[in-house]
């Protein structure tokens, strides 16, 4: 299922997953994605985003383990697949920005909402 990409591209309360730390990290992901969109040719900006994505995923996965969440393995698989796809990027154009923006929205709305109230 696909979710509409918001305009402007920013976090809103409809994306609240019930965990303040993760909500703040999601907000930062929106900020970093917007920075990449503004400076698509800057490899440093892409690296900063990817480094933060890995940090964010580790935070989520640690919380899953602590809570004993039953769907943690499949959720981690989606994390690993995104990191694999993102690390393969050699340039950032319109299609890549669309992919990144859509992925974050869909991931929060379809996957992260599953752990709302669990962690």
N, C-alpha and C. Protein backbone atom coordinates (compact mmCIF):
# COMPACT_ATOMS: atom_id res chain seq x y z
N UNK A 1 0.84 -1.18 0.00
CA UNK A 1 0.00 0.00 0.00
C UNK A 1 0.88 1.24 0.00
N UNK A 2 0.49 2.22 -0.76
CA UNK A 2 1.25 3.46 -0.86
C UNK A 2 0.49 4.59 -0.16
N UNK A 3 1.22 5.45 0.47
CA UNK A 3 0.65 6.59 1.19
C UNK A 3 1.07 7.86 0.49
N UNK A 4 0.22 8.89 0.48
CA UNK A 4 0.58 10.13 -0.21
C UNK A 4 1.77 10.82 0.46
N UNK A 5 2.63 11.35 -0.36
CA UNK A 5 3.77 12.13 0.14
C UNK A 5 3.25 13.52 0.49
N UNK A 6 3.44 13.94 1.75
CA UNK A 6 2.91 15.25 2.14
C UNK A 6 3.67 16.40 1.50
N UNK A 7 2.95 17.48 1.28
CA UNK A 7 3.54 18.72 0.80
C UNK A 7 3.09 19.82 1.73
N UNK A 8 3.96 20.51 2.41
CA UNK A 8 5.40 20.31 2.38
C UNK A 8 5.79 18.98 3.02
N UNK A 9 7.00 18.52 2.69
CA UNK A 9 7.47 17.24 3.19
C UNK A 9 8.00 17.43 4.61
N UNK A 10 7.11 17.18 5.58
CA UNK A 10 7.48 17.33 6.98
C UNK A 10 6.64 16.40 7.84
N UNK A 11 7.17 16.14 9.03
CA UNK A 11 6.49 15.29 9.99
C UNK A 11 5.24 15.99 10.48
N UNK A 12 4.18 15.23 10.74
CA UNK A 12 2.96 15.77 11.32
C UNK A 12 2.46 14.79 12.38
N UNK A 13 1.51 15.22 13.16
CA UNK A 13 1.00 14.37 14.24
C UNK A 13 0.31 13.11 13.72
N UNK A 14 -0.08 13.08 12.47
CA UNK A 14 -0.66 11.85 11.91
C UNK A 14 0.40 10.74 11.84
N UNK A 15 1.68 11.10 11.98
CA UNK A 15 2.77 10.14 11.94
C UNK A 15 3.29 9.77 13.33
N UNK A 16 2.58 10.21 14.35
CA UNK A 16 2.97 9.94 15.74
C UNK A 16 2.84 8.45 16.03
N UNK A 17 3.96 7.81 16.38
CA UNK A 17 3.94 6.38 16.64
C UNK A 17 3.90 6.06 18.14
N UNK A 18 3.71 7.08 18.95
CA UNK A 18 3.53 6.86 20.38
C UNK A 18 4.80 6.73 21.19
N UNK A 19 5.93 7.07 20.61
CA UNK A 19 7.21 7.02 21.31
C UNK A 19 7.94 8.33 21.00
N UNK A 20 8.15 9.16 22.02
CA UNK A 20 8.72 10.49 21.83
C UNK A 20 10.10 10.44 21.17
N UNK A 21 10.95 9.52 21.61
CA UNK A 21 12.30 9.42 21.05
C UNK A 21 12.26 9.10 19.56
N UNK A 22 11.43 8.13 19.18
CA UNK A 22 11.34 7.75 17.77
C UNK A 22 10.65 8.82 16.95
N UNK A 23 9.66 9.50 17.52
CA UNK A 23 9.04 10.62 16.80
C UNK A 23 10.08 11.69 16.49
N UNK A 24 10.94 12.00 17.46
CA UNK A 24 11.99 13.01 17.23
C UNK A 24 12.95 12.55 16.14
N UNK A 25 13.28 11.27 16.15
CA UNK A 25 14.16 10.75 15.11
C UNK A 25 13.48 10.80 13.74
N UNK A 26 12.20 10.51 13.69
CA UNK A 26 11.47 10.62 12.42
C UNK A 26 11.49 12.06 11.93
N UNK A 27 11.29 13.01 12.83
CA UNK A 27 11.34 14.43 12.45
C UNK A 27 12.70 14.77 11.85
N UNK A 28 13.77 14.27 12.48
CA UNK A 28 15.11 14.55 11.95
C UNK A 28 15.29 13.91 10.58
N UNK A 29 14.71 12.73 10.37
CA UNK A 29 14.80 12.10 9.04
C UNK A 29 14.15 12.99 7.98
N UNK A 30 13.01 13.59 8.30
CA UNK A 30 12.38 14.51 7.36
C UNK A 30 13.31 15.69 7.07
N UNK A 31 13.93 16.23 8.09
CA UNK A 31 14.85 17.35 7.92
C UNK A 31 16.04 16.96 7.03
N UNK A 32 16.61 15.79 7.28
CA UNK A 32 17.75 15.33 6.49
C UNK A 32 17.36 15.03 5.05
N UNK A 33 16.18 14.47 4.84
CA UNK A 33 15.71 14.21 3.48
C UNK A 33 15.50 15.52 2.73
N UNK A 34 14.94 16.51 3.40
CA UNK A 34 14.77 17.82 2.76
C UNK A 34 16.12 18.45 2.43
N UNK A 35 17.10 18.27 3.32
CA UNK A 35 18.44 18.80 3.05
C UNK A 35 19.05 18.12 1.83
N UNK A 36 18.84 16.81 1.71
CA UNK A 36 19.34 16.09 0.54
C UNK A 36 18.63 16.56 -0.72
N UNK A 37 17.34 16.78 -0.62
CA UNK A 37 16.58 17.26 -1.78
C UNK A 37 17.11 18.61 -2.25
N UNK A 38 17.53 19.45 -1.31
CA UNK A 38 18.06 20.77 -1.66
C UNK A 38 19.49 20.71 -2.19
N UNK A 39 20.25 19.68 -1.81
CA UNK A 39 21.66 19.55 -2.22
C UNK A 39 21.91 18.15 -2.74
N UNK A 40 21.24 17.81 -3.80
CA UNK A 40 21.29 16.44 -4.32
C UNK A 40 22.68 15.99 -4.72
N UNK A 41 23.53 16.89 -5.12
CA UNK A 41 24.86 16.51 -5.59
C UNK A 41 25.88 16.43 -4.46
N UNK A 42 25.46 16.69 -3.25
CA UNK A 42 26.38 16.70 -2.11
C UNK A 42 26.45 15.31 -1.48
N UNK A 43 27.57 14.63 -1.71
CA UNK A 43 27.75 13.30 -1.15
C UNK A 43 27.74 13.30 0.36
N UNK A 44 28.19 14.39 0.96
CA UNK A 44 28.20 14.49 2.42
C UNK A 44 26.79 14.48 2.98
N UNK A 45 25.87 15.14 2.30
CA UNK A 45 24.47 15.19 2.75
C UNK A 45 23.83 13.82 2.67
N UNK A 46 24.10 13.08 1.60
CA UNK A 46 23.59 11.72 1.46
C UNK A 46 24.18 10.82 2.54
N UNK A 47 25.48 10.94 2.79
CA UNK A 47 26.12 10.12 3.83
C UNK A 47 25.53 10.45 5.20
N UNK A 48 25.30 11.72 5.49
CA UNK A 48 24.72 12.09 6.77
C UNK A 48 23.34 11.45 6.95
N UNK A 49 22.54 11.49 5.89
CA UNK A 49 21.22 10.86 5.94
C UNK A 49 21.34 9.36 6.18
N UNK A 50 22.18 8.69 5.44
CA UNK A 50 22.33 7.24 5.57
C UNK A 50 22.87 6.85 6.95
N UNK A 51 23.81 7.62 7.46
CA UNK A 51 24.34 7.35 8.81
C UNK A 51 23.23 7.49 9.85
N UNK A 52 22.39 8.51 9.68
CA UNK A 52 21.31 8.71 10.65
C UNK A 52 20.24 7.62 10.52
N UNK A 53 19.98 7.19 9.30
CA UNK A 53 19.02 6.10 9.08
C UNK A 53 19.48 4.85 9.83
N UNK A 54 20.76 4.52 9.72
CA UNK A 54 21.31 3.35 10.41
C UNK A 54 21.18 3.51 11.92
N UNK A 55 21.49 4.70 12.43
CA UNK A 55 21.34 4.99 13.86
C UNK A 55 19.89 4.82 14.30
N UNK A 56 18.97 5.37 13.52
CA UNK A 56 17.54 5.29 13.83
C UNK A 56 17.07 3.83 13.85
N UNK A 57 17.44 3.07 12.84
CA UNK A 57 17.03 1.68 12.78
C UNK A 57 17.56 0.91 13.98
N UNK A 58 18.80 1.16 14.37
CA UNK A 58 19.37 0.49 15.55
C UNK A 58 18.57 0.84 16.79
N UNK A 59 18.17 2.10 16.94
CA UNK A 59 17.36 2.52 18.08
C UNK A 59 16.06 1.74 18.11
N UNK A 60 15.38 1.68 16.96
CA UNK A 60 14.12 0.92 16.90
C UNK A 60 14.35 -0.54 17.25
N UNK A 61 15.35 -1.15 16.66
CA UNK A 61 15.60 -2.57 16.86
C UNK A 61 15.95 -2.88 18.32
N UNK A 62 16.68 -1.98 18.97
CA UNK A 62 16.99 -2.16 20.39
C UNK A 62 15.71 -2.10 21.22
N UNK A 63 14.81 -1.19 20.87
CA UNK A 63 13.53 -1.09 21.58
C UNK A 63 12.66 -2.31 21.34
N UNK A 64 12.70 -2.86 20.12
CA UNK A 64 11.96 -4.08 19.82
C UNK A 64 12.44 -5.22 20.71
N UNK A 65 13.75 -5.36 20.80
CA UNK A 65 14.34 -6.44 21.60
C UNK A 65 13.95 -6.28 23.07
N UNK A 66 14.03 -5.06 23.55
CA UNK A 66 13.70 -4.79 24.96
C UNK A 66 12.23 -5.13 25.25
N UNK A 67 11.36 -4.83 24.29
CA UNK A 67 9.92 -5.08 24.47
C UNK A 67 9.52 -6.51 24.12
N UNK A 68 10.43 -7.25 23.48
CA UNK A 68 10.09 -8.60 23.06
C UNK A 68 9.03 -8.62 21.97
N UNK A 69 9.06 -7.63 21.08
CA UNK A 69 8.05 -7.51 20.03
C UNK A 69 8.16 -8.66 19.05
N UNK A 70 7.06 -9.34 18.81
CA UNK A 70 7.05 -10.55 17.98
C UNK A 70 7.34 -10.30 16.50
N UNK A 71 7.13 -9.08 16.02
CA UNK A 71 7.34 -8.79 14.60
C UNK A 71 8.69 -8.14 14.32
N UNK A 72 9.58 -8.17 15.30
CA UNK A 72 10.86 -7.46 15.15
C UNK A 72 11.71 -8.01 14.00
N UNK A 73 11.73 -9.31 13.79
CA UNK A 73 12.56 -9.89 12.72
C UNK A 73 12.13 -9.41 11.35
N UNK A 74 10.84 -9.41 11.07
CA UNK A 74 10.37 -8.97 9.75
C UNK A 74 10.57 -7.46 9.59
N UNK A 75 10.42 -6.71 10.67
CA UNK A 75 10.64 -5.26 10.60
C UNK A 75 12.11 -4.97 10.31
N UNK A 76 12.99 -5.73 10.95
CA UNK A 76 14.43 -5.55 10.70
C UNK A 76 14.76 -5.87 9.25
N UNK A 77 14.09 -6.84 8.67
CA UNK A 77 14.32 -7.16 7.25
C UNK A 77 14.01 -5.96 6.36
N UNK A 78 12.94 -5.22 6.67
CA UNK A 78 12.62 -4.03 5.86
C UNK A 78 13.69 -2.96 6.05
N UNK A 79 14.22 -2.86 7.27
CA UNK A 79 15.32 -1.92 7.51
C UNK A 79 16.53 -2.30 6.67
N UNK A 80 16.91 -3.57 6.73
CA UNK A 80 18.09 -4.03 6.01
C UNK A 80 17.94 -3.82 4.51
N UNK A 81 16.76 -4.08 3.99
CA UNK A 81 16.52 -3.90 2.54
C UNK A 81 16.65 -2.44 2.15
N UNK A 82 16.11 -1.52 2.96
CA UNK A 82 16.23 -0.10 2.64
C UNK A 82 17.69 0.33 2.66
N UNK A 83 18.43 -0.08 3.68
CA UNK A 83 19.85 0.31 3.76
C UNK A 83 20.60 -0.23 2.55
N UNK A 84 20.33 -1.46 2.16
CA UNK A 84 20.97 -2.05 0.99
C UNK A 84 20.66 -1.22 -0.26
N UNK A 85 19.38 -0.88 -0.46
CA UNK A 85 18.98 -0.08 -1.63
C UNK A 85 19.60 1.31 -1.58
N UNK A 86 19.59 1.93 -0.40
CA UNK A 86 20.11 3.29 -0.26
C UNK A 86 21.62 3.34 -0.48
N UNK A 87 22.33 2.34 0.01
CA UNK A 87 23.79 2.32 -0.17
C UNK A 87 24.18 2.13 -1.63
N UNK A 88 23.28 1.60 -2.42
CA UNK A 88 23.55 1.39 -3.84
C UNK A 88 23.40 2.67 -4.66
N UNK A 89 22.86 3.73 -4.05
CA UNK A 89 22.67 4.98 -4.78
C UNK A 89 24.02 5.58 -5.17
N UNK A 90 24.14 5.93 -6.43
CA UNK A 90 25.36 6.58 -6.89
C UNK A 90 25.11 8.05 -7.24
N UNK A 91 23.84 8.38 -7.39
CA UNK A 91 23.45 9.78 -7.63
C UNK A 91 22.03 9.95 -7.11
N UNK A 92 21.65 11.21 -6.93
CA UNK A 92 20.31 11.50 -6.40
C UNK A 92 19.61 12.42 -7.37
N UNK A 93 18.62 11.88 -8.05
CA UNK A 93 17.78 12.65 -8.95
C UNK A 93 16.34 12.61 -8.49
N UNK A 94 15.44 12.98 -9.36
CA UNK A 94 14.01 13.00 -9.00
C UNK A 94 13.50 11.62 -8.58
N UNK A 95 13.87 10.59 -9.31
CA UNK A 95 13.37 9.24 -8.99
C UNK A 95 13.88 8.77 -7.63
N UNK A 96 15.13 9.06 -7.34
CA UNK A 96 15.70 8.66 -6.06
C UNK A 96 15.06 9.42 -4.90
N UNK A 97 14.82 10.71 -5.08
CA UNK A 97 14.16 11.49 -4.03
C UNK A 97 12.74 10.99 -3.82
N UNK A 98 12.04 10.67 -4.89
CA UNK A 98 10.69 10.12 -4.78
C UNK A 98 10.72 8.82 -3.98
N UNK A 99 11.69 7.95 -4.30
CA UNK A 99 11.84 6.67 -3.60
C UNK A 99 12.07 6.90 -2.11
N UNK A 100 13.01 7.76 -1.76
CA UNK A 100 13.36 8.01 -0.36
C UNK A 100 12.18 8.60 0.40
N UNK A 101 11.54 9.60 -0.18
CA UNK A 101 10.39 10.24 0.48
C UNK A 101 9.24 9.25 0.66
N UNK A 102 8.94 8.52 -0.39
CA UNK A 102 7.84 7.55 -0.32
C UNK A 102 8.16 6.45 0.69
N UNK A 103 9.40 6.00 0.70
CA UNK A 103 9.77 4.93 1.60
C UNK A 103 9.54 5.35 3.05
N UNK A 104 9.98 6.54 3.43
CA UNK A 104 9.83 6.96 4.83
C UNK A 104 8.36 7.05 5.21
N UNK A 105 7.54 7.67 4.38
CA UNK A 105 6.11 7.80 4.68
C UNK A 105 5.46 6.43 4.80
N UNK A 106 5.71 5.57 3.83
CA UNK A 106 5.10 4.25 3.84
C UNK A 106 5.60 3.43 5.02
N UNK A 107 6.88 3.54 5.30
CA UNK A 107 7.45 2.77 6.41
C UNK A 107 6.82 3.19 7.75
N UNK A 108 6.69 4.47 7.97
CA UNK A 108 6.08 4.94 9.22
C UNK A 108 4.62 4.50 9.28
N UNK A 109 3.87 4.78 8.22
CA UNK A 109 2.42 4.52 8.23
C UNK A 109 2.07 3.03 8.22
N UNK A 110 2.82 2.23 7.49
CA UNK A 110 2.47 0.82 7.37
C UNK A 110 3.23 -0.08 8.34
N UNK A 111 4.49 0.20 8.57
CA UNK A 111 5.31 -0.68 9.41
C UNK A 111 5.44 -0.19 10.84
N UNK A 112 5.85 1.07 11.00
CA UNK A 112 6.08 1.57 12.36
C UNK A 112 4.80 1.66 13.18
N UNK A 113 3.69 1.93 12.55
CA UNK A 113 2.42 2.01 13.29
C UNK A 113 2.06 0.67 13.94
N UNK A 114 2.64 -0.43 13.44
CA UNK A 114 2.37 -1.74 14.01
C UNK A 114 2.90 -1.86 15.44
N UNK A 115 3.95 -1.14 15.75
CA UNK A 115 4.49 -1.22 17.12
C UNK A 115 3.99 -0.10 18.02
N UNK A 116 3.08 0.72 17.53
CA UNK A 116 2.52 1.77 18.37
C UNK A 116 1.83 1.11 19.56
N UNK A 117 2.17 1.58 20.75
CA UNK A 117 1.61 1.02 21.97
C UNK A 117 2.35 -0.20 22.49
N UNK A 118 3.33 -0.68 21.72
CA UNK A 118 4.11 -1.84 22.13
C UNK A 118 5.44 -1.41 22.73
N UNK A 119 6.07 -0.41 22.10
CA UNK A 119 7.36 0.07 22.62
C UNK A 119 7.26 1.51 23.09
